[in-house]
C-alpha cells in the first residue's frame, strides 16, 4: 500500500476519540449510532423487533472500545479508542492478506523459457 493510505489510516485511528468527546461536550448521551435496544426505545418510543432479537448474538472483544472501567478518565478512554482502532486495522489487514495468500493459485511447475 502507498504511504499516503497508511497515513490516512493512522489519522483516522487517532481521531476515533472524537466519538467520546463530542457527545460529552454537547451533552448528547451515547456516541451516535452506538445505541443499545434500551436507548433506541427511549429515543423512538419502541424496541425494533429485529434489533431486540439480534442484540445478544454478537459481543465485541473489547466492549465500548475500553480496556478500563466505565468511570475511567477521558484521557484513558481516548487511548483505549486509539489502541482499539489500530487493533481493528491490524486484524482487517491480517485477514485481508491471509485471504489473499490462500486464494492465490499455486503454480508449482517452474516456467521453462527455453526456445528451440
N, C-alpha and C. Protein backbone atom coordinates (compact mmCIF):
# COMPACT_ATOMS: atom_id res chain seq x y z
N UNK A 1 0.84 -1.18 0.00
CA UNK A 1 0.00 0.00 0.00
C UNK A 1 0.88 1.24 0.00
N UNK A 2 0.36 2.27 -0.58
CA UNK A 2 1.10 3.51 -0.63
C UNK A 2 1.15 4.16 0.74
N UNK A 3 2.20 4.95 0.93
CA UNK A 3 2.42 5.63 2.20
C UNK A 3 1.24 6.52 2.60
N UNK A 4 0.62 7.18 1.60
CA UNK A 4 -0.48 8.10 1.93
C UNK A 4 -1.68 7.37 2.54
N UNK A 5 -1.91 6.11 2.14
CA UNK A 5 -3.01 5.35 2.73
C UNK A 5 -2.73 4.99 4.18
N UNK A 6 -1.47 4.65 4.47
CA UNK A 6 -1.09 4.34 5.86
C UNK A 6 -1.25 5.59 6.73
N UNK A 7 -0.86 6.73 6.19
CA UNK A 7 -1.00 7.99 6.93
C UNK A 7 -2.48 8.28 7.17
N UNK A 8 -3.31 8.08 6.15
CA UNK A 8 -4.75 8.30 6.27
C UNK A 8 -5.35 7.39 7.35
N UNK A 9 -4.98 6.10 7.35
CA UNK A 9 -5.49 5.17 8.36
C UNK A 9 -5.04 5.58 9.76
N UNK A 10 -3.79 6.02 9.89
CA UNK A 10 -3.28 6.46 11.19
C UNK A 10 -4.05 7.69 11.69
N UNK A 11 -4.31 8.62 10.79
CA UNK A 11 -5.07 9.83 11.18
C UNK A 11 -6.48 9.44 11.63
N UNK A 12 -7.13 8.56 10.89
CA UNK A 12 -8.47 8.11 11.29
C UNK A 12 -8.45 7.44 12.66
N UNK A 13 -7.44 6.60 12.90
CA UNK A 13 -7.33 5.92 14.20
C UNK A 13 -7.13 6.93 15.32
N UNK A 14 -6.30 7.93 15.07
CA UNK A 14 -6.02 8.93 16.10
C UNK A 14 -7.25 9.81 16.37
N UNK A 15 -8.10 9.97 15.37
CA UNK A 15 -9.31 10.80 15.53
C UNK A 15 -10.49 10.04 16.16
N UNK A 16 -10.36 8.74 16.38
CA UNK A 16 -11.50 7.99 16.92
C UNK A 16 -12.04 8.50 18.25
N UNK A 17 -11.21 9.07 19.14
CA UNK A 17 -11.79 9.57 20.40
C UNK A 17 -12.79 10.71 20.23
N UNK A 18 -12.88 11.28 19.05
CA UNK A 18 -13.88 12.32 18.82
C UNK A 18 -15.27 11.77 19.14
N UNK A 19 -15.45 10.47 18.92
CA UNK A 19 -16.73 9.82 19.23
C UNK A 19 -17.06 9.83 20.72
N UNK A 20 -16.06 10.01 21.55
CA UNK A 20 -16.30 10.12 23.00
C UNK A 20 -16.52 11.58 23.38
N UNK A 21 -15.66 12.44 22.87
CA UNK A 21 -15.66 13.84 23.29
C UNK A 21 -16.89 14.62 22.84
N UNK A 22 -17.27 14.50 21.59
CA UNK A 22 -18.40 15.31 21.09
C UNK A 22 -19.69 15.08 21.85
N UNK A 23 -20.11 13.82 22.07
CA UNK A 23 -21.35 13.63 22.84
C UNK A 23 -21.26 14.22 24.26
N UNK A 24 -20.08 14.14 24.87
CA UNK A 24 -19.95 14.69 26.23
C UNK A 24 -19.94 16.22 26.21
N UNK A 25 -19.27 16.80 25.23
CA UNK A 25 -19.22 18.26 25.14
C UNK A 25 -20.59 18.86 24.86
N UNK A 26 -21.40 18.15 24.06
CA UNK A 26 -22.72 18.66 23.71
C UNK A 26 -23.83 18.03 24.54
N UNK A 27 -23.46 17.27 25.57
CA UNK A 27 -24.42 16.62 26.45
C UNK A 27 -25.45 15.82 25.65
N UNK A 28 -24.91 14.99 24.72
CA UNK A 28 -25.77 14.27 23.79
C UNK A 28 -25.95 12.80 24.14
N UNK A 29 -25.45 12.36 25.25
CA UNK A 29 -25.59 10.95 25.62
C UNK A 29 -24.55 10.09 24.94
N UNK A 30 -24.97 8.93 24.45
CA UNK A 30 -24.05 7.99 23.80
C UNK A 30 -23.56 8.52 22.47
N UNK A 31 -22.45 7.94 22.01
CA UNK A 31 -21.95 8.28 20.68
C UNK A 31 -23.00 7.90 19.65
N UNK A 32 -23.09 8.68 18.57
CA UNK A 32 -24.13 8.48 17.58
C UNK A 32 -24.00 7.10 16.95
N UNK A 33 -25.11 6.37 16.95
CA UNK A 33 -25.17 5.06 16.31
C UNK A 33 -24.72 3.91 17.19
N UNK A 34 -24.28 4.17 18.39
CA UNK A 34 -23.82 3.10 19.27
C UNK A 34 -24.84 2.80 20.37
N UNK A 35 -26.09 2.89 20.01
CA UNK A 35 -27.15 2.73 20.99
C UNK A 35 -27.55 1.27 21.16
N UNK A 36 -27.91 0.94 22.37
CA UNK A 36 -28.49 -0.36 22.66
C UNK A 36 -29.99 -0.30 22.45
N UNK A 37 -30.64 -1.43 22.60
CA UNK A 37 -32.09 -1.51 22.42
C UNK A 37 -32.81 -0.57 23.38
N UNK A 38 -32.33 -0.49 24.61
CA UNK A 38 -32.98 0.36 25.60
C UNK A 38 -32.91 1.85 25.23
N UNK A 39 -31.79 2.28 24.68
CA UNK A 39 -31.66 3.69 24.28
C UNK A 39 -32.54 3.98 23.07
N UNK A 40 -32.60 3.06 22.12
CA UNK A 40 -33.46 3.25 20.95
C UNK A 40 -34.92 3.34 21.40
N UNK A 41 -35.31 2.49 22.34
CA UNK A 41 -36.70 2.54 22.85
C UNK A 41 -36.98 3.90 23.48
N UNK A 42 -36.02 4.41 24.22
CA UNK A 42 -36.19 5.71 24.86
C UNK A 42 -36.29 6.82 23.81
N UNK A 43 -35.52 6.71 22.72
CA UNK A 43 -35.49 7.77 21.71
C UNK A 43 -36.70 7.75 20.77
N UNK A 44 -37.11 6.54 20.35
CA UNK A 44 -38.19 6.46 19.35
C UNK A 44 -39.51 5.94 19.90
N UNK A 45 -39.48 5.43 21.13
CA UNK A 45 -40.73 5.02 21.75
C UNK A 45 -41.06 3.54 21.67
N UNK A 46 -40.25 2.76 20.97
CA UNK A 46 -40.49 1.31 20.90
C UNK A 46 -39.18 0.59 20.62
N UNK A 47 -39.17 -0.72 20.87
CA UNK A 47 -38.00 -1.54 20.59
C UNK A 47 -38.18 -2.19 19.21
N UNK A 48 -37.31 -1.88 18.24
CA UNK A 48 -37.42 -2.57 16.95
C UNK A 48 -37.26 -4.07 17.16
N UNK A 49 -38.19 -4.85 16.63
CA UNK A 49 -38.25 -6.29 16.90
C UNK A 49 -36.96 -7.01 16.50
N UNK A 50 -36.46 -6.73 15.31
CA UNK A 50 -35.25 -7.42 14.85
C UNK A 50 -34.03 -7.01 15.67
N UNK A 51 -33.97 -5.77 16.07
CA UNK A 51 -32.85 -5.30 16.89
C UNK A 51 -32.88 -6.01 18.25
N UNK A 52 -34.07 -6.12 18.83
CA UNK A 52 -34.20 -6.80 20.11
C UNK A 52 -33.83 -8.27 19.98
N UNK A 53 -34.24 -8.89 18.87
CA UNK A 53 -34.00 -10.31 18.64
C UNK A 53 -32.50 -10.62 18.46
N UNK A 54 -31.77 -9.71 17.80
CA UNK A 54 -30.37 -9.99 17.47
C UNK A 54 -29.36 -9.28 18.38
N UNK A 55 -29.82 -8.52 19.34
CA UNK A 55 -28.93 -7.71 20.17
C UNK A 55 -27.89 -8.53 20.94
N UNK A 56 -28.23 -9.73 21.35
CA UNK A 56 -27.31 -10.52 22.16
C UNK A 56 -26.52 -11.57 21.38
N UNK A 57 -26.59 -11.52 20.06
CA UNK A 57 -25.88 -12.51 19.24
C UNK A 57 -24.37 -12.27 19.27
N UNK A 58 -23.95 -11.04 19.09
CA UNK A 58 -22.53 -10.72 19.00
C UNK A 58 -22.10 -9.84 20.17
N UNK A 59 -20.98 -10.18 20.75
CA UNK A 59 -20.40 -9.36 21.80
C UNK A 59 -18.99 -8.98 21.38
N UNK A 60 -18.71 -7.71 21.37
CA UNK A 60 -17.41 -7.21 20.92
C UNK A 60 -16.28 -7.72 21.81
N UNK A 61 -15.10 -7.97 21.21
CA UNK A 61 -13.96 -8.43 22.01
C UNK A 61 -13.51 -7.39 23.03
N UNK A 62 -13.67 -6.11 22.70
CA UNK A 62 -13.35 -5.02 23.63
C UNK A 62 -14.61 -4.17 23.75
N UNK A 63 -15.50 -4.49 24.71
CA UNK A 63 -16.75 -3.74 24.82
C UNK A 63 -16.51 -2.25 25.01
N UNK A 64 -17.23 -1.44 24.27
CA UNK A 64 -17.14 0.01 24.32
C UNK A 64 -15.74 0.54 24.00
N UNK A 65 -14.92 -0.29 23.34
CA UNK A 65 -13.55 0.10 22.96
C UNK A 65 -12.73 0.52 24.17
N UNK A 66 -13.07 0.00 25.33
CA UNK A 66 -12.47 0.50 26.57
C UNK A 66 -11.83 -0.65 27.34
N UNK A 67 -10.55 -0.53 27.63
CA UNK A 67 -9.83 -1.54 28.41
C UNK A 67 -9.95 -1.26 29.90
N UNK A 68 -10.50 -0.12 30.23
CA UNK A 68 -10.61 0.32 31.62
C UNK A 68 -12.07 0.23 32.05
N UNK A 69 -12.36 0.65 33.28
CA UNK A 69 -13.75 0.65 33.72
C UNK A 69 -14.48 1.85 33.11
N UNK A 70 -15.80 1.85 33.23
CA UNK A 70 -16.61 2.88 32.60
C UNK A 70 -16.39 4.27 33.18
N UNK A 71 -15.84 4.33 34.38
CA UNK A 71 -15.61 5.62 35.03
C UNK A 71 -14.20 6.14 34.80
N UNK A 72 -13.45 5.54 33.90
CA UNK A 72 -12.08 5.97 33.62
C UNK A 72 -12.08 7.39 33.07
N UNK A 73 -11.01 8.13 33.34
CA UNK A 73 -10.92 9.49 32.80
C UNK A 73 -10.94 9.49 31.27
N UNK A 74 -11.34 10.61 30.69
CA UNK A 74 -11.45 10.70 29.24
C UNK A 74 -10.12 10.42 28.54
N UNK A 75 -9.02 10.81 29.15
CA UNK A 75 -7.71 10.58 28.53
C UNK A 75 -7.45 9.08 28.37
N UNK A 76 -7.77 8.29 29.39
CA UNK A 76 -7.60 6.83 29.30
C UNK A 76 -8.56 6.24 28.27
N UNK A 77 -9.78 6.73 28.25
CA UNK A 77 -10.75 6.24 27.26
C UNK A 77 -10.28 6.57 25.85
N UNK A 78 -9.70 7.76 25.66
CA UNK A 78 -9.20 8.15 24.34
C UNK A 78 -8.08 7.23 23.89
N UNK A 79 -7.17 6.91 24.81
CA UNK A 79 -6.08 5.98 24.48
C UNK A 79 -6.64 4.62 24.11
N UNK A 80 -7.64 4.16 24.85
CA UNK A 80 -8.26 2.86 24.56
C UNK A 80 -8.93 2.87 23.18
N UNK A 81 -9.58 3.97 22.81
CA UNK A 81 -10.19 4.08 21.49
C UNK A 81 -9.13 3.99 20.40
N UNK A 82 -8.03 4.70 20.58
CA UNK A 82 -6.95 4.70 19.58
C UNK A 82 -6.34 3.32 19.45
N UNK A 83 -6.06 2.66 20.59
CA UNK A 83 -5.49 1.31 20.56
C UNK A 83 -6.48 0.36 19.88
N UNK A 84 -7.76 0.48 20.19
CA UNK A 84 -8.78 -0.37 19.56
C UNK A 84 -8.82 -0.14 18.06
N UNK A 85 -8.68 1.10 17.64
CA UNK A 85 -8.69 1.40 16.20
C UNK A 85 -7.51 0.73 15.51
N UNK A 86 -6.31 0.84 16.10
CA UNK A 86 -5.14 0.21 15.50
C UNK A 86 -5.26 -1.32 15.52
N UNK A 87 -5.83 -1.87 16.59
CA UNK A 87 -6.07 -3.32 16.63
C UNK A 87 -7.03 -3.74 15.51
N UNK A 88 -8.09 -2.98 15.33
CA UNK A 88 -9.04 -3.28 14.28
C UNK A 88 -8.41 -3.21 12.89
N UNK A 89 -7.61 -2.18 12.66
CA UNK A 89 -6.91 -2.05 11.39
C UNK A 89 -5.99 -3.25 11.18
N UNK A 90 -5.26 -3.62 12.24
CA UNK A 90 -4.34 -4.76 12.14
C UNK A 90 -5.06 -6.07 11.84
N UNK A 91 -6.18 -6.30 12.50
CA UNK A 91 -6.95 -7.53 12.27
C UNK A 91 -7.48 -7.57 10.83
N UNK A 92 -7.99 -6.46 10.36
CA UNK A 92 -8.51 -6.42 8.98
C UNK A 92 -7.38 -6.65 7.98
N UNK A 93 -6.22 -6.05 8.22
CA UNK A 93 -5.09 -6.27 7.31
C UNK A 93 -4.64 -7.72 7.33
N UNK A 94 -4.55 -8.32 8.52
CA UNK A 94 -4.16 -9.73 8.61
C UNK A 94 -5.15 -10.63 7.87
N UNK A 95 -6.43 -10.38 8.08
CA UNK A 95 -7.44 -11.17 7.38
C UNK A 95 -7.36 -10.98 5.86
N UNK A 96 -7.20 -9.73 5.44
CA UNK A 96 -7.14 -9.44 4.01
C UNK A 96 -5.94 -10.11 3.36
N UNK A 97 -4.76 -9.93 3.96
CA UNK A 97 -3.56 -10.53 3.37
C UNK A 97 -3.58 -12.04 3.50
N UNK A 98 -4.14 -12.56 4.58
CA UNK A 98 -4.26 -14.01 4.73
C UNK A 98 -5.18 -14.61 3.69
N UNK A 99 -6.33 -14.00 3.49
CA UNK A 99 -7.26 -14.49 2.46
C UNK A 99 -6.65 -14.36 1.07
N UNK A 100 -5.92 -13.29 0.85
CA UNK A 100 -5.27 -13.10 -0.45
C UNK A 100 -4.24 -14.20 -0.69
N UNK A 101 -3.50 -14.54 0.35
CA UNK A 101 -2.46 -15.56 0.22
C UNK A 101 -3.04 -16.94 -0.04
N UNK A 102 -4.13 -17.30 0.67
CA UNK A 102 -4.68 -18.64 0.46
C UNK A 102 -5.52 -18.74 -0.81
N UNK A 103 -5.97 -17.60 -1.34
CA UNK A 103 -6.78 -17.66 -2.55
C UNK A 103 -5.94 -17.55 -3.82
N UNK A 104 -4.65 -17.24 -3.69
CA UNK A 104 -3.78 -17.17 -4.85
C UNK A 104 -3.54 -18.55 -5.41
N UNK A 105 -3.68 -18.72 -6.72
CA UNK A 105 -3.40 -20.04 -7.28
C UNK A 105 -1.91 -20.36 -7.18
N UNK A 106 -1.63 -21.61 -6.82
CA UNK A 106 -0.24 -22.03 -6.70
C UNK A 106 0.24 -22.54 -8.04
N UNK A 107 1.39 -22.10 -8.43
CA UNK A 107 2.00 -22.54 -9.67
C UNK A 107 3.25 -23.33 -9.31
N UNK A 108 3.09 -24.66 -9.13
CA UNK A 108 4.18 -25.50 -8.66
C UNK A 108 5.21 -25.82 -9.75
N UNK A 109 4.79 -25.79 -11.00
CA UNK A 109 5.73 -26.16 -12.04
C UNK A 109 6.52 -24.94 -12.48
N UNK A 110 7.85 -25.11 -12.54
CA UNK A 110 8.68 -23.97 -12.96
C UNK A 110 8.44 -23.65 -14.43
N UNK A 111 8.48 -22.41 -14.75
CA UNK A 111 8.27 -22.00 -16.13
C UNK A 111 9.57 -22.12 -16.88
N UNK A 112 9.52 -22.82 -17.96
CA UNK A 112 10.71 -23.02 -18.77
C UNK A 112 10.73 -21.98 -19.87
N UNK A 113 11.83 -21.31 -20.00
CA UNK A 113 11.92 -20.28 -21.01
C UNK A 113 12.88 -20.67 -22.14
N UNK A 114 13.05 -21.96 -22.32
CA UNK A 114 13.94 -22.42 -23.38
C UNK A 114 13.24 -22.33 -24.72
N UNK A 115 13.96 -21.89 -25.68
CA UNK A 115 13.40 -21.80 -27.03
C UNK A 115 14.12 -22.77 -27.94
N UNK A 116 13.47 -23.23 -28.94
CA UNK A 116 14.08 -24.21 -29.85
C UNK A 116 14.36 -23.60 -31.19
